[in-house]
């Protein structure tokens, strides 16, 4: 019983870590001040945002560290990297020190790397302790990463801090959170099996609490006119984050009741379940039998679709392991890569530019509110990505790649609305567009974790997903540079500074011309991402249908990251 309760404490520790380590999402809250303090152009500021995303390209280093170091050591190394990276930037933005551009670029890269290390620690903890429900655990954990910006905004308001205070909070709060999460991590339970059905009920309860937390931050965060009110709201948010602490007690009480009151019935049901497991062959065996009996599955699919592009070299089975070399040779991988590049990554670039977007449209005083809207909606998008598993279960058979394509539909609509908005006088379109982009990109970020595992194998997930997310720094550079060039071309020089015998000028742009062309271009790009996502769905639908049915007794893919035998 103690082991079961400790499993849930581990999950809550990962939730707390994720909630306070999504420090890249508040970049737009202090980006204008950082730009002014360094006296750099919008293009140079974009490179700093790219540097933070570039840290994800070195995510493999966290896996390497886990091979030689205990997990708590990796956790505190991540905290140390973030403390140094953000702490030095805070000294810079508050004029306590002066640094040239290159070291600041490296500091931003270190900050992004620390986030990646935190994510790896959380993923490993979820996979180790929730082998049969790892996707539900990962989805819940990743969701709270999206609410970080809203929490940091509330903390900054509570201390009546300036935009520079975000950097100080980014440096200190992850260290404090790591210390808080250390005790449950050190007391990890031994590996044991658990009831999937019982766990699903608890996950449903945890997701309900998470939904209330996100709703609380979205609706009440903007209603904090002064530090005193912000402190009360912050206390409420912390209570909601601590509320799941009751879950381990519920688990212990429930286990005790089952053991003492219904022990005989439970033993009979477990014995019957074990007999069924012995009689029913593994999923891999059933899939092999199906392929042996149906060797023309690809041909039939091709005839039904009447499209060579859909049928060529497509996946037949889910969960087939792909090494790095075989991965990059698959057409499905590149279709998936482009859909992510033109979808979720585009939403991340939008969030990085929110500070300048708000400033150019005359809404600079509402930047924190915009960041809160994006963060909260990204959180809801991540949370919704688990809904097909928990609510629909095996009753509705629909490929996860189809859900991913559906999640990308709001993004082009949002960008075209923003491009068509005349003057953004009342800000309704700006806030609505920000909400849609956050919702769409949040779903992609969380859903992609399961899709990568399903399409290319769970055992190779660590390497394969790091390859997939290399699109983030590439897209951040490409889309951010496009936005920066349009911004600088329509702006005016506000001032100049002498930096190492060169003159650096800060360009400020005001009006809708600063981003209207960028929004339209981003809308077209997101349409391309949607088209590739639909193509991926059409190509992988037969494999999902086969896994969900095809005469097998397993009616699953509810646990989308389960090991495929």
Protein backbone atom coordinates (compact mmCIF):
# COMPACT_ATOMS: atom_id res chain seq x y z
CA UNK A 1 0.00 0.00 0.00
CA UNK A 2 2.83 2.37 0.84
CA UNK A 3 4.44 1.65 -2.52
CA UNK A 4 1.22 2.53 -4.37
CA UNK A 5 0.85 5.83 -2.50
CA UNK A 6 4.51 6.70 -3.15
CA UNK A 7 3.94 6.20 -6.88
CA UNK A 8 1.37 8.97 -6.81
CA UNK A 9 3.67 11.19 -4.76
CA UNK A 10 6.27 10.75 -7.54
CA UNK A 11 3.67 11.88 -10.08
CA UNK A 12 2.80 14.93 -7.99
CA UNK A 13 6.51 15.77 -7.71
CA UNK A 14 6.80 15.75 -11.51
CA UNK A 15 3.71 17.98 -11.74
CA UNK A 16 5.27 20.53 -9.40
CA UNK A 17 8.57 20.42 -11.29
CA UNK A 18 6.84 20.96 -14.63
CA UNK A 19 4.62 23.74 -13.25
CA UNK A 20 7.61 25.85 -12.21
CA UNK A 21 10.20 24.98 -14.87
CA UNK A 22 8.45 26.08 -18.08
CA UNK A 23 10.54 29.24 -17.86
CA UNK A 24 10.81 29.67 -21.64
CA UNK A 25 7.12 30.62 -21.84
CA UNK A 26 7.58 33.94 -20.01
CA UNK A 27 10.28 35.21 -22.38
CA UNK A 28 7.91 37.77 -23.89
CA UNK A 29 7.25 39.22 -20.41
CA UNK A 30 10.77 40.65 -20.21
CA UNK A 31 11.98 40.53 -23.83
CA UNK A 32 11.34 44.24 -24.50
CA UNK A 33 13.34 45.24 -21.40
CA UNK A 34 16.16 42.86 -22.35
CA UNK A 35 16.19 44.33 -25.83
CA UNK A 36 16.42 47.87 -24.43
CA UNK A 37 19.09 46.96 -21.86
CA UNK A 38 21.32 45.43 -24.52
CA UNK A 39 20.45 47.91 -27.25
CA UNK A 40 19.86 45.25 -29.88
CA UNK A 41 17.62 44.93 -32.92
CA UNK A 42 14.59 42.68 -33.24
CA UNK A 43 16.64 40.23 -35.35
CA UNK A 44 19.23 39.94 -32.59
CA UNK A 45 16.50 39.49 -29.98
CA UNK A 46 15.07 36.71 -32.12
CA UNK A 47 18.44 34.94 -32.05
CA UNK A 48 18.29 34.95 -28.24
CA UNK A 49 14.87 33.24 -28.38
CA UNK A 50 16.33 30.76 -30.87
CA UNK A 51 19.23 30.09 -28.48
CA UNK A 52 16.76 29.03 -25.77
CA UNK A 53 15.05 26.66 -28.21
CA UNK A 54 18.44 25.44 -29.44
CA UNK A 55 19.02 23.94 -25.99
CA UNK A 56 16.49 21.26 -26.98
CA UNK A 57 18.87 20.07 -29.68
CA UNK A 58 21.23 18.99 -26.89
CA UNK A 59 18.55 17.10 -25.01
CA UNK A 60 20.46 13.85 -25.52
CA UNK A 61 22.98 15.08 -22.91
CA UNK A 62 20.40 14.59 -20.14
CA UNK A 63 19.97 10.93 -21.12
CA UNK A 64 23.75 10.52 -21.13
CA UNK A 65 23.95 12.08 -17.67
CA UNK A 66 21.35 9.63 -16.35
CA UNK A 67 23.58 6.74 -17.42
CA UNK A 68 26.33 7.85 -15.04
CA UNK A 69 24.59 9.93 -12.36
CA UNK A 70 21.67 9.29 -9.99
CA UNK A 71 18.43 10.96 -10.96
CA UNK A 72 18.41 13.49 -8.06
CA UNK A 73 21.88 14.67 -9.15
CA UNK A 74 20.61 15.27 -12.69
CA UNK A 75 17.64 17.17 -11.24
CA UNK A 76 19.89 19.55 -9.30
CA UNK A 77 22.29 19.95 -12.21
CA UNK A 78 19.29 21.14 -14.25
CA UNK A 79 18.38 23.57 -11.46
CA UNK A 80 21.99 24.82 -11.30
CA UNK A 81 22.11 25.42 -15.06
CA UNK A 82 18.92 27.49 -14.89
CA UNK A 83 20.05 29.38 -11.79
CA UNK A 84 23.27 30.50 -13.48
CA UNK A 85 21.70 31.23 -16.87
CA UNK A 86 18.76 33.31 -15.62
CA UNK A 87 20.62 34.80 -12.65
CA UNK A 88 23.32 36.35 -14.83
CA UNK A 89 20.67 37.66 -17.25
CA UNK A 90 18.92 39.30 -14.29
CA UNK A 91 22.18 41.01 -13.31
CA UNK A 92 22.47 42.22 -16.90
CA UNK A 93 18.93 43.54 -17.29
CA UNK A 94 19.14 45.39 -13.95
CA UNK A 95 22.40 47.08 -15.08
CA UNK A 96 24.49 45.42 -12.37
CA UNK A 97 26.86 43.98 -14.99
CA UNK A 98 27.52 44.50 -18.70
CA UNK A 99 27.99 41.65 -21.14
CA UNK A 100 28.54 41.45 -24.90
CA UNK A 101 26.05 39.65 -27.10
CA UNK A 102 27.83 36.28 -27.45
CA UNK A 103 27.86 35.36 -23.71
CA UNK A 104 24.17 36.30 -23.42
CA UNK A 105 23.45 33.98 -26.35
CA UNK A 106 25.21 31.15 -24.50
CA UNK A 107 23.27 31.94 -21.32
CA UNK A 108 19.99 31.61 -23.22
CA UNK A 109 21.16 28.28 -24.62
CA UNK A 110 22.00 27.04 -21.11
CA UNK A 111 18.54 28.12 -19.93
CA UNK A 112 16.91 26.07 -22.68
CA UNK A 113 19.14 23.11 -21.85
CA UNK A 114 18.10 23.22 -18.19
CA UNK A 115 14.43 22.99 -19.21
CA UNK A 116 15.21 19.95 -21.35
CA UNK A 117 16.99 18.26 -18.43
CA UNK A 118 14.00 18.90 -16.15
CA UNK A 119 11.70 17.38 -18.78
CA UNK A 120 13.88 14.27 -19.08
CA UNK A 121 13.84 13.74 -15.32
CA UNK A 122 10.03 13.98 -15.26
CA UNK A 123 9.60 11.67 -18.26
CA UNK A 124 11.87 9.02 -16.72
CA UNK A 125 10.00 9.16 -13.41
CA UNK A 126 6.63 8.75 -15.15
CA UNK A 127 7.81 5.87 -17.33
CA UNK A 128 9.42 4.03 -14.40
CA UNK A 129 6.45 4.30 -12.07
CA UNK A 130 3.50 4.09 -14.50
CA UNK A 131 4.41 1.41 -17.00
CA UNK A 132 0.79 0.59 -17.93
CA UNK A 133 -0.49 4.18 -17.88
CA UNK A 134 2.59 6.04 -18.92
CA UNK A 135 0.78 8.18 -21.49
CA UNK A 136 -1.79 9.40 -19.00
CA UNK A 137 1.01 10.21 -16.58
CA UNK A 138 3.08 11.96 -19.25
CA UNK A 139 0.10 13.92 -20.54
CA UNK A 140 -0.80 15.18 -17.06
CA UNK A 141 2.81 16.09 -16.28
CA UNK A 142 3.47 17.85 -19.59
CA UNK A 143 0.22 19.80 -19.21
CA UNK A 144 1.47 21.68 -16.16
CA UNK A 145 4.51 22.89 -18.09
CA UNK A 146 2.08 25.01 -20.08
CA UNK A 147 0.77 26.81 -16.99
CA UNK A 148 4.21 28.00 -15.85
CA UNK A 149 3.89 31.45 -17.40
CA UNK A 150 0.55 32.07 -15.67
CA UNK A 151 2.03 31.06 -12.31
CA UNK A 152 5.09 33.25 -12.81
CA UNK A 153 2.88 36.18 -13.79
CA UNK A 154 0.90 35.75 -10.57
CA UNK A 155 4.08 35.54 -8.47
CA UNK A 156 5.53 38.64 -10.18
CA UNK A 157 2.33 40.58 -9.45
CA UNK A 158 2.33 39.35 -5.85
CA UNK A 159 5.78 40.80 -5.21
CA UNK A 160 4.97 43.91 -7.27
CA UNK A 161 7.95 43.11 -9.45
CA UNK A 162 9.11 44.75 -12.65
CA UNK A 163 9.57 42.75 -15.87
CA UNK A 164 13.16 42.04 -14.80
CA UNK A 165 11.80 40.14 -11.79
CA UNK A 166 10.75 37.33 -14.12
CA UNK A 167 14.42 36.48 -14.67
CA UNK A 168 15.05 36.37 -10.93
CA UNK A 169 12.03 34.13 -10.44
CA UNK A 170 13.18 31.90 -13.31
CA UNK A 171 16.49 31.43 -11.49
CA UNK A 172 15.17 30.83 -7.96
CA UNK A 173 11.80 29.04 -8.18
CA UNK A 174 13.04 25.91 -10.03
CA UNK A 175 15.71 25.43 -7.34
CA UNK A 176 13.11 25.68 -4.55
CA UNK A 177 10.77 23.32 -6.44
CA UNK A 178 13.57 20.78 -6.89
CA UNK A 179 14.24 20.83 -3.15
CA UNK A 180 10.52 20.30 -2.45
CA UNK A 181 10.29 17.38 -4.90
CA UNK A 182 13.47 15.71 -3.64
CA UNK A 183 11.87 13.73 -0.76
CA UNK A 184 9.32 11.76 -2.85
CA UNK A 185 11.96 11.18 -5.54
CA UNK A 186 14.40 9.71 -3.02
CA UNK A 187 11.64 7.44 -1.67
CA UNK A 188 10.74 5.85 -4.99
CA UNK A 189 8.80 2.60 -4.56
CA UNK A 190 10.00 -0.71 -6.06
CA UNK A 191 8.63 -1.50 -9.49
CA UNK A 192 5.28 -3.26 -9.33
CA UNK A 193 2.25 -3.85 -11.48
CA UNK A 194 -0.96 -1.94 -10.90
CA UNK A 195 -4.55 -2.07 -12.02
CA UNK A 196 -5.01 -0.01 -15.15
CA UNK A 197 -8.69 0.53 -14.45
CA UNK A 198 -8.13 1.82 -10.92
CA UNK A 199 -5.32 4.09 -12.08
CA UNK A 200 -7.51 5.54 -14.82
CA UNK A 201 -10.09 6.59 -12.23
CA UNK A 202 -7.42 8.40 -10.23
CA UNK A 203 -6.06 10.04 -13.37
CA UNK A 204 -9.56 11.28 -14.16
CA UNK A 205 -9.72 12.87 -10.71
CA UNK A 206 -6.25 14.43 -11.13
CA UNK A 207 -7.15 15.83 -14.55
CA UNK A 208 -10.33 17.32 -13.10
CA UNK A 209 -8.26 19.11 -10.44
CA UNK A 210 -5.82 20.21 -13.15
CA UNK A 211 -8.71 21.60 -15.22
CA UNK A 212 -9.93 23.62 -12.24
CA UNK A 213 -6.39 24.92 -11.68
CA UNK A 214 -6.09 26.09 -15.28
CA UNK A 215 -9.54 27.70 -15.18
CA UNK A 216 -8.63 29.45 -11.94
CA UNK A 217 -5.44 30.91 -13.40
CA UNK A 218 -7.10 31.91 -16.67
CA UNK A 219 -10.10 33.70 -15.18
CA UNK A 220 -8.77 35.15 -11.92
CA UNK A 221 -5.15 35.99 -12.83
CA UNK A 222 -6.15 39.10 -14.85
CA UNK A 223 -8.38 40.22 -11.96
CA UNK A 224 -5.41 41.06 -9.73
CA UNK A 225 -5.20 44.88 -9.66
CA UNK A 226 -2.74 45.08 -6.76
CA UNK A 227 -0.10 42.97 -4.97
CA UNK A 228 -2.43 42.16 -2.04
CA UNK A 229 -5.07 40.62 -4.31
CA UNK A 230 -2.35 38.81 -6.24
CA UNK A 231 -1.04 37.25 -3.03
CA UNK A 232 -4.50 35.91 -2.21
CA UNK A 233 -4.89 34.50 -5.72
CA UNK A 234 -1.40 33.00 -5.52
CA UNK A 235 -2.30 31.30 -2.24
CA UNK A 236 -5.38 29.83 -3.93
CA UNK A 237 -3.29 28.55 -6.86
CA UNK A 238 -0.80 26.91 -4.49
CA UNK A 239 -3.68 25.24 -2.60
CA UNK A 240 -4.97 23.82 -5.89
CA UNK A 241 -1.48 22.53 -6.72
CA UNK A 242 -1.27 20.94 -3.26
CA UNK A 243 -4.79 19.48 -3.39
CA UNK A 244 -3.68 16.25 -5.14
CA UNK A 245 -1.64 15.46 -2.00
CA UNK A 246 -4.83 13.82 -0.74
CA UNK A 247 -4.61 11.24 -3.54
CA UNK A 248 -2.01 9.00 -1.82
CA UNK A 249 -4.23 8.84 1.27
CA UNK A 250 -7.22 7.88 -0.88
CA UNK A 251 -5.13 5.17 -2.54
CA UNK A 252 -4.02 3.72 0.82
CA UNK A 253 -7.59 3.74 2.18
CA UNK A 254 -8.96 2.12 -0.96
CA UNK A 255 -6.28 -0.59 -0.95
CA UNK A 256 -7.00 -1.32 2.70
CA UNK A 257 -10.71 -1.63 2.00
CA UNK A 258 -10.10 -3.96 -0.94
CA UNK A 259 -7.75 -6.13 1.08
CA UNK A 260 -9.93 -6.42 4.18
CA UNK A 261 -13.48 -6.39 2.84
CA UNK A 262 -13.34 -7.78 -0.68
CA UNK A 263 -10.16 -9.87 -0.50
CA UNK A 264 -11.71 -13.12 -1.67
CA UNK A 265 -13.53 -11.55 -4.62
CA UNK A 266 -10.41 -9.65 -5.58
CA UNK A 267 -8.27 -12.76 -5.51
CA UNK A 268 -10.76 -14.64 -7.67
CA UNK A 269 -10.90 -11.84 -10.22
CA UNK A 270 -7.13 -11.54 -10.33
CA UNK A 271 -6.74 -15.29 -10.83
CA UNK A 272 -9.27 -15.18 -13.64
CA UNK A 273 -7.46 -12.22 -15.17
CA UNK A 274 -4.13 -14.10 -15.00
CA UNK A 275 -5.69 -17.12 -16.70
CA UNK A 276 -6.99 -14.90 -19.49
CA UNK A 277 -3.56 -13.34 -19.93
CA UNK A 278 -2.05 -16.82 -20.33
CA UNK A 279 -4.70 -17.87 -22.85
CA UNK A 280 -4.63 -14.70 -24.94
CA UNK A 281 -1.48 -14.29 -27.05
CA UNK A 282 0.53 -11.07 -26.95
CA UNK A 283 -0.27 -8.17 -29.21
CA UNK A 284 2.77 -8.72 -31.37
CA UNK A 285 1.78 -12.35 -31.94
CA UNK A 286 -1.71 -11.34 -32.99
CA UNK A 287 -0.34 -8.72 -35.36
CA UNK A 288 2.05 -11.22 -36.93
CA UNK A 289 -0.79 -13.74 -37.32
CA UNK A 290 -2.94 -11.07 -38.94
CA UNK A 291 -0.21 -10.13 -41.40
CA UNK A 292 0.44 -13.76 -42.25
CA UNK A 293 -3.24 -14.30 -42.96
CA UNK A 294 -3.57 -10.95 -44.78
CA UNK A 295 -0.40 -10.45 -46.84
CA UNK A 296 -2.15 -8.03 -49.17
CA UNK A 297 -3.02 -5.41 -46.53
CA UNK A 298 -0.95 -2.72 -48.26
CA UNK A 299 -2.44 -3.46 -51.64
CA UNK A 300 -5.99 -3.30 -50.32
CA UNK A 301 -5.27 0.00 -48.60
CA UNK A 302 -3.80 1.37 -51.79
CA UNK A 303 -6.83 0.35 -53.82
CA UNK A 304 -9.20 1.92 -51.26
CA UNK A 305 -7.34 5.21 -51.16
CA UNK A 306 -6.46 5.23 -54.85
CA UNK A 307 -3.49 7.37 -54.02
CA UNK A 308 0.13 6.29 -54.40
CA UNK A 309 1.34 9.00 -52.03
CA UNK A 310 -0.80 7.65 -49.21
CA UNK A 311 0.17 4.02 -49.76
CA UNK A 312 3.88 4.33 -50.50
CA UNK A 313 6.15 2.94 -47.74
CA UNK A 314 3.60 3.57 -45.03
CA UNK A 315 3.61 2.00 -41.58
CA UNK A 316 1.74 -1.28 -41.29
CA UNK A 317 2.16 -1.94 -37.57
CA UNK A 318 2.26 0.44 -34.63
CA UNK A 319 5.09 0.20 -32.15
CA UNK A 320 7.65 -1.24 -34.56
CA UNK A 321 11.05 -0.15 -33.27
CA UNK A 322 13.02 2.30 -35.42
CA UNK A 323 16.64 3.21 -34.83
CA UNK A 324 17.89 6.66 -35.76
CA UNK A 325 19.03 5.56 -39.21
CA UNK A 326 15.84 3.74 -40.13
CA UNK A 327 13.80 6.60 -38.69
CA UNK A 328 15.17 9.28 -40.99
CA UNK A 329 14.70 6.99 -43.99
CA UNK A 330 10.94 6.69 -43.41
CA UNK A 331 8.61 8.94 -45.36
CA UNK A 332 6.14 8.94 -42.45
CA UNK A 333 8.79 10.47 -40.20
CA UNK A 334 9.38 13.42 -42.53
CA UNK A 335 5.63 14.01 -42.97
CA UNK A 336 5.30 14.00 -39.17
CA UNK A 337 8.38 16.24 -38.81
CA UNK A 338 7.00 18.86 -41.22
CA UNK A 339 3.54 18.83 -39.62
CA UNK A 340 5.17 19.50 -36.21
CA UNK A 341 7.50 22.14 -37.70
CA UNK A 342 4.61 24.01 -39.34
CA UNK A 343 2.25 23.53 -36.39
CA UNK A 344 3.35 23.30 -32.77
CA UNK A 345 6.68 25.05 -33.34
CA UNK A 346 4.91 27.97 -34.99
CA UNK A 347 2.82 28.43 -31.85
CA UNK A 348 5.96 28.54 -29.73
CA UNK A 349 7.47 31.25 -31.96
CA UNK A 350 4.24 33.25 -31.62
CA UNK A 351 4.56 33.12 -27.82
CA UNK A 352 8.18 34.32 -28.05
CA UNK A 353 7.01 37.37 -30.01
CA UNK A 354 4.02 38.24 -27.82
CA UNK A 355 5.91 41.06 -26.09
CA UNK A 356 6.69 42.87 -29.34
CA UNK A 357 3.25 42.09 -30.79
CA UNK A 358 1.53 43.67 -27.78
CA UNK A 359 3.88 46.67 -27.89
CA UNK A 360 3.38 47.30 -31.61
CA UNK A 361 -0.43 47.20 -31.26
CA UNK A 362 -0.45 49.50 -28.26
CA UNK A 363 -1.21 46.77 -25.71
CA UNK A 364 2.15 46.68 -23.94
CA UNK A 365 0.51 47.20 -20.54
CA UNK A 366 -1.48 44.02 -21.16
CA UNK A 367 1.50 41.85 -22.11
CA UNK A 368 1.31 39.80 -18.91
CA UNK A 369 -2.38 39.19 -19.53
CA UNK A 370 -1.67 37.97 -23.07
CA UNK A 371 1.08 35.69 -21.76
CA UNK A 372 -1.37 34.35 -19.18
CA UNK A 373 -3.99 33.65 -21.86
CA UNK A 374 -1.47 31.83 -24.07
CA UNK A 375 -0.07 29.87 -21.14
CA UNK A 376 -3.46 28.83 -19.75
CA UNK A 377 -4.84 27.84 -23.17
CA UNK A 378 -1.65 25.90 -23.92
CA UNK A 379 -2.25 24.12 -20.62
CA UNK A 380 -5.82 23.26 -21.60
CA UNK A 381 -4.63 22.04 -25.01
CA UNK A 382 -2.14 19.70 -23.36
CA UNK A 383 -4.79 18.50 -20.94
CA UNK A 384 -7.32 17.87 -23.72
CA UNK A 385 -4.77 15.65 -25.51
CA UNK A 386 -5.45 12.98 -22.85
CA UNK A 387 -9.24 13.17 -23.27
CA UNK A 388 -9.46 10.51 -26.03
CA UNK A 389 -7.71 8.02 -23.74
CA UNK A 390 -9.69 8.70 -20.56
CA UNK A 391 -13.16 9.53 -21.84
CA UNK A 392 -13.53 7.61 -25.10
CA UNK A 393 -11.40 4.61 -24.16
CA UNK A 394 -11.90 1.76 -26.58
CA UNK A 395 -15.46 2.78 -27.51
CA UNK A 396 -14.35 5.02 -30.39
CA UNK A 397 -11.59 3.91 -32.73
CA UNK A 398 -9.82 6.94 -34.17
CA UNK A 399 -6.15 7.32 -35.04
CA UNK A 400 -4.19 9.59 -32.71
CA UNK A 401 -2.66 11.23 -35.78
CA UNK A 402 -6.23 12.25 -36.67
CA UNK A 403 -6.59 14.01 -33.32
CA UNK A 404 -3.29 15.73 -34.03
CA UNK A 405 -4.56 16.97 -37.40
CA UNK A 406 -7.81 18.18 -35.82
CA UNK A 407 -5.82 20.09 -33.19
CA UNK A 408 -4.05 22.08 -35.94
CA UNK A 409 -7.28 23.40 -37.46
CA UNK A 410 -7.62 26.45 -35.11
CA UNK A 411 -4.08 27.70 -35.80
CA UNK A 412 -4.47 29.00 -39.40
CA UNK A 413 -7.86 30.46 -38.46
CA UNK A 414 -6.20 32.38 -35.63
CA UNK A 415 -3.39 33.79 -37.78
CA UNK A 416 -5.71 34.83 -40.61
CA UNK A 417 -7.97 36.56 -38.07
CA UNK A 418 -4.97 38.41 -36.63
CA UNK A 419 -3.80 39.41 -40.12
CA UNK A 420 -7.26 40.72 -41.06
CA UNK A 421 -7.80 42.64 -37.82
CA UNK A 422 -7.81 46.32 -38.74
CA UNK A 423 -6.41 48.20 -35.76
CA UNK A 424 -6.80 45.88 -32.75
CA UNK A 425 -8.60 48.71 -30.97
CA UNK A 426 -10.50 46.58 -28.49
CA UNK A 427 -8.05 43.69 -28.42
CA UNK A 428 -10.73 41.00 -28.69
CA UNK A 429 -9.24 39.50 -31.84
CA UNK A 430 -5.74 39.63 -30.36
CA UNK A 431 -6.81 37.75 -27.23
CA UNK A 432 -8.98 35.28 -29.17
CA UNK A 433 -6.17 34.57 -31.64
CA UNK A 434 -3.68 34.09 -28.80
CA UNK A 435 -6.06 31.66 -27.09
CA UNK A 436 -6.54 29.60 -30.27
CA UNK A 437 -2.80 29.42 -30.97
CA UNK A 438 -2.10 28.37 -27.37
CA UNK A 439 -4.81 25.71 -27.41
CA UNK A 440 -3.65 24.26 -30.72
CA UNK A 441 0.09 24.23 -30.01
CA UNK A 442 -0.44 22.87 -26.48
CA UNK A 443 -2.31 19.85 -27.84
CA UNK A 444 0.48 19.22 -30.36
CA UNK A 445 3.25 19.42 -27.73
CA UNK A 446 1.56 16.84 -25.50
CA UNK A 447 0.07 14.64 -28.21
CA UNK A 448 3.37 14.34 -30.07
CA UNK A 449 4.87 12.43 -27.12
CA UNK A 450 2.38 9.60 -27.67
CA UNK A 451 2.49 9.76 -31.46
CA UNK A 452 6.27 9.38 -31.57
CA UNK A 453 6.09 6.33 -29.31
CA UNK A 454 3.27 4.72 -31.28
CA UNK A 455 4.66 5.26 -34.76
CA UNK A 456 8.34 4.56 -34.15
CA UNK A 457 8.49 2.36 -31.07
CA UNK A 458 8.46 2.93 -27.28
CA UNK A 459 11.92 1.47 -26.63
CA UNK A 460 13.52 4.02 -28.99
CA UNK A 461 11.35 6.89 -27.79
CA UNK A 462 14.12 8.84 -26.02
CA UNK A 463 16.31 9.10 -29.09
CA UNK A 464 13.52 9.40 -31.64
CA UNK A 465 11.61 12.18 -29.90
CA UNK A 466 14.81 14.19 -29.47
CA UNK A 467 15.25 13.88 -33.25
CA UNK A 468 11.66 15.03 -33.81
CA UNK A 469 12.01 18.14 -31.64
CA UNK A 470 15.12 19.29 -33.52
CA UNK A 471 12.52 21.06 -35.66
CA UNK A 472 11.93 23.52 -32.79
CA UNK A 473 15.24 25.47 -33.00
CA UNK A 474 15.11 25.31 -36.81
CA UNK A 475 11.54 26.63 -36.92
CA UNK A 476 12.25 29.18 -34.21
CA UNK A 477 15.08 30.59 -36.29
CA UNK A 478 13.15 30.55 -39.57
CA UNK A 479 9.81 31.94 -38.40
CA UNK A 480 11.34 34.30 -35.84
CA UNK A 481 13.71 35.72 -38.44
CA UNK A 482 10.80 36.30 -40.82
CA UNK A 483 8.92 38.20 -38.10
CA UNK A 484 12.01 40.19 -37.10
CA UNK A 485 12.82 41.25 -40.66
CA UNK A 486 9.27 42.49 -41.26
CA UNK A 487 9.31 44.25 -37.87
CA UNK A 488 12.63 46.04 -38.48
CA UNK A 489 11.67 46.95 -42.06
CA UNK A 490 8.58 48.82 -40.80
CA UNK A 491 10.13 50.31 -37.65
CA UNK A 492 12.21 53.32 -36.84
CA UNK A 493 15.50 53.71 -35.00
CA UNK A 494 14.83 54.81 -31.44
CA UNK A 495 18.43 55.07 -30.30
CA UNK A 496 21.91 53.69 -30.75
CA UNK A 497 24.63 52.33 -28.49
CA UNK A 498 28.33 51.75 -29.00
CA UNK A 499 29.09 48.09 -28.38
CA UNK A 500 32.74 47.05 -28.88
CA UNK A 501 33.52 49.65 -31.53
CA UNK A 502 30.28 48.93 -33.39
CA UNK A 503 27.03 50.81 -33.33
CA UNK A 504 23.94 48.84 -32.35
CA UNK A 505 20.55 50.40 -32.96
CA UNK A 506 17.24 49.51 -31.33
CA UNK A 507 14.36 49.60 -33.80
CA UNK A 508 10.81 50.07 -32.53
CA UNK A 509 7.78 49.49 -34.75
CA UNK A 510 4.25 50.66 -33.95
CA UNK A 511 1.03 49.77 -35.77
CA UNK A 512 -0.51 46.75 -37.47
CA UNK A 513 2.01 46.86 -40.33
CA UNK A 514 4.63 45.46 -37.94
CA UNK A 515 3.08 41.98 -37.91
CA UNK A 516 0.18 41.82 -40.39
CA UNK A 517 2.32 40.31 -43.18
CA UNK A 518 3.94 37.98 -40.67
CA UNK A 519 0.55 36.77 -39.42
CA UNK A 520 -0.54 36.05 -43.00
CA UNK A 521 2.68 34.16 -43.75
CA UNK A 522 2.34 32.18 -40.52
CA UNK A 523 -1.27 31.37 -41.48
CA UNK A 524 -0.11 29.94 -44.82
CA UNK A 525 2.64 27.95 -43.11
CA UNK A 526 0.18 26.52 -40.57
CA UNK A 527 -2.07 25.47 -43.48
CA UNK A 528 0.89 23.51 -44.84
CA UNK A 529 1.34 21.91 -41.42
CA UNK A 530 -2.37 20.97 -41.34
CA UNK A 531 -2.13 19.44 -44.83
CA UNK A 532 0.84 17.29 -43.80
CA UNK A 533 -0.94 16.26 -40.58
CA UNK A 534 -3.97 15.11 -42.61
CA UNK A 535 -1.65 13.20 -44.95
CA UNK A 536 0.00 11.51 -41.96
CA UNK A 537 -3.44 10.53 -40.64
CA UNK A 538 -4.46 9.00 -43.98
CA UNK A 539 -1.21 7.06 -44.18
CA UNK A 540 -1.32 5.73 -40.60
CA UNK A 541 -5.07 5.10 -40.31
CA UNK A 542 -4.85 1.45 -41.48
CA UNK A 543 -2.20 0.72 -38.84
CA UNK A 544 -4.37 2.25 -36.10
CA UNK A 545 -7.45 0.38 -37.34
CA UNK A 546 -5.47 -2.84 -37.31
CA UNK A 547 -4.25 -2.19 -33.76
CA UNK A 548 -7.74 -1.30 -32.52
CA UNK A 549 -9.59 -4.16 -34.17
CA UNK A 550 -8.73 -6.68 -36.87
CA UNK A 551 -10.33 -9.46 -34.85
CA UNK A 552 -8.01 -9.04 -31.88
CA UNK A 553 -9.40 -9.08 -28.34
CA UNK A 554 -7.48 -6.04 -27.23
CA UNK A 555 -9.69 -3.01 -28.15
CA UNK A 556 -6.96 -0.65 -27.13
CA UNK A 557 -4.63 2.09 -27.86
CA UNK A 558 -5.94 3.79 -24.82
CA UNK A 559 -2.46 3.48 -23.35
CA UNK A 560 -0.79 4.85 -26.42
CA UNK A 561 2.70 4.54 -24.98
CA UNK A 562 2.32 0.93 -23.83
CA UNK A 563 4.99 -1.52 -24.85
CA UNK A 564 3.97 -3.33 -28.02
CA UNK A 565 5.14 -6.86 -27.51
